[in-house]
């Protein structure tokens, strides 16, 4: 089993473009690996940013699993809704 890839989220996130820029360096590393995003410092997020995270990590990069640690409740809601709509809810965990 491969080790989990950990990324720390900034305090404020908002656009799809920002999500792409933030994850640009981990796309190739995420394939077939569990990915953990530390969201404990995150204060503000948008549905579009969160949806792009799901799209990039679980669909495009084909991460095995995505865990959001300490995500604010609204971010968690956005992520769950996006994962359900994209058919990858079974690959998302909110802790």
Protein backbone atom coordinates (compact mmCIF):
# COMPACT_ATOMS: atom_id res chain seq x y z
CA UNK A 1 0.00 0.00 0.00
CA UNK A 2 1.41 3.39 -0.97
CA UNK A 3 1.76 6.18 1.52
CA UNK A 4 -0.74 9.00 1.65
CA UNK A 5 0.08 12.29 0.00
CA UNK A 6 -0.53 15.20 2.41
CA UNK A 7 -1.19 18.76 1.32
CA UNK A 8 -2.00 21.68 3.64
CA UNK A 9 -4.77 24.04 2.54
CA UNK A 10 -4.34 27.81 2.88
CA UNK A 11 -6.70 29.95 4.96
CA UNK A 12 -8.70 31.31 2.00
CA UNK A 13 -9.55 29.57 -1.27
CA UNK A 14 -11.99 30.61 -3.92
CA UNK A 15 -11.62 29.91 -7.61
CA UNK A 16 -11.27 26.88 -9.84
CA UNK A 17 -8.08 28.43 -11.15
CA UNK A 18 -6.68 28.65 -7.62
CA UNK A 19 -7.45 24.95 -7.09
CA UNK A 20 -5.61 24.05 -10.31
CA UNK A 21 -2.61 26.18 -9.39
CA UNK A 22 -2.47 24.80 -5.86
CA UNK A 23 -2.58 21.17 -6.99
CA UNK A 24 -0.42 21.55 -10.09
CA UNK A 25 2.61 19.96 -8.47
CA UNK A 26 0.80 16.93 -7.05
CA UNK A 27 -1.23 15.72 -10.03
CA UNK A 28 1.24 13.05 -11.09
CA UNK A 29 1.95 12.07 -7.50
CA UNK A 30 -1.71 11.53 -6.59
CA UNK A 31 -2.44 8.75 -9.08
CA UNK A 32 -3.52 5.54 -7.32
CA UNK A 33 -2.56 6.97 -3.91
CA UNK A 34 -4.65 8.14 -0.98
CA UNK A 35 -4.53 11.93 -0.65
CA UNK A 36 -5.10 13.87 2.56
CA UNK A 37 -5.84 17.59 2.60
CA UNK A 38 -5.29 19.28 5.95
CA UNK A 39 -8.09 21.85 6.02
CA UNK A 40 -7.69 22.86 9.66
CA UNK A 41 -6.46 26.37 8.74
CA UNK A 42 -9.15 26.86 6.10
CA UNK A 43 -11.57 29.67 6.96
CA UNK A 44 -13.18 30.50 3.60
CA UNK A 45 -13.91 28.32 0.57
CA UNK A 46 -16.33 28.32 -2.35
CA UNK A 47 -18.35 25.56 -4.01
CA UNK A 48 -16.42 26.06 -7.27
CA UNK A 49 -13.01 25.65 -5.60
CA UNK A 50 -14.15 22.55 -3.72
CA UNK A 51 -15.73 21.04 -6.83
CA UNK A 52 -12.49 21.58 -8.72
CA UNK A 53 -10.56 19.77 -5.96
CA UNK A 54 -12.83 16.76 -6.34
CA UNK A 55 -12.56 16.88 -10.13
CA UNK A 56 -8.76 17.21 -10.14
CA UNK A 57 -7.91 14.69 -7.44
CA UNK A 58 -10.54 11.98 -7.78
CA UNK A 59 -11.40 12.15 -11.49
CA UNK A 60 -8.39 13.54 -13.38
CA UNK A 61 -5.52 12.40 -11.13
CA UNK A 62 -7.35 9.21 -10.12
CA UNK A 63 -6.35 9.36 -6.49
CA UNK A 64 -7.35 6.19 -4.67
CA UNK A 65 -9.07 8.13 -1.89
CA UNK A 66 -9.38 11.72 -0.63
CA UNK A 67 -9.57 12.63 3.05
CA UNK A 68 -10.36 16.17 4.19
CA UNK A 69 -9.07 16.75 7.73
CA UNK A 70 -10.65 19.46 9.86
CA UNK A 71 -12.69 20.94 7.01
CA UNK A 72 -15.23 23.61 7.98
CA UNK A 73 -18.80 22.30 7.75
CA UNK A 74 -19.63 24.31 4.61
CA UNK A 75 -16.52 23.04 2.83
CA UNK A 76 -17.41 19.50 3.85
CA UNK A 77 -20.94 19.99 2.45
CA UNK A 78 -19.54 21.35 -0.83
CA UNK A 79 -17.15 18.40 -1.12
CA UNK A 80 -19.80 15.77 -0.37
CA UNK A 81 -22.24 17.31 -2.87
CA UNK A 82 -19.56 17.48 -5.56
CA UNK A 83 -18.39 13.91 -4.95
CA UNK A 84 -21.97 12.62 -5.09
CA UNK A 85 -22.69 14.46 -8.35
CA UNK A 86 -19.47 13.15 -9.89
CA UNK A 87 -20.07 9.57 -8.71
CA UNK A 88 -17.03 9.36 -6.44
CA UNK A 89 -18.62 9.78 -3.00
CA UNK A 90 -17.23 6.40 -1.96
CA UNK A 91 -13.71 7.81 -2.37
CA UNK A 92 -14.21 10.79 -0.04
CA UNK A 93 -13.87 10.91 3.73
CA UNK A 94 -14.41 13.95 5.93
CA UNK A 95 -12.68 13.79 9.33
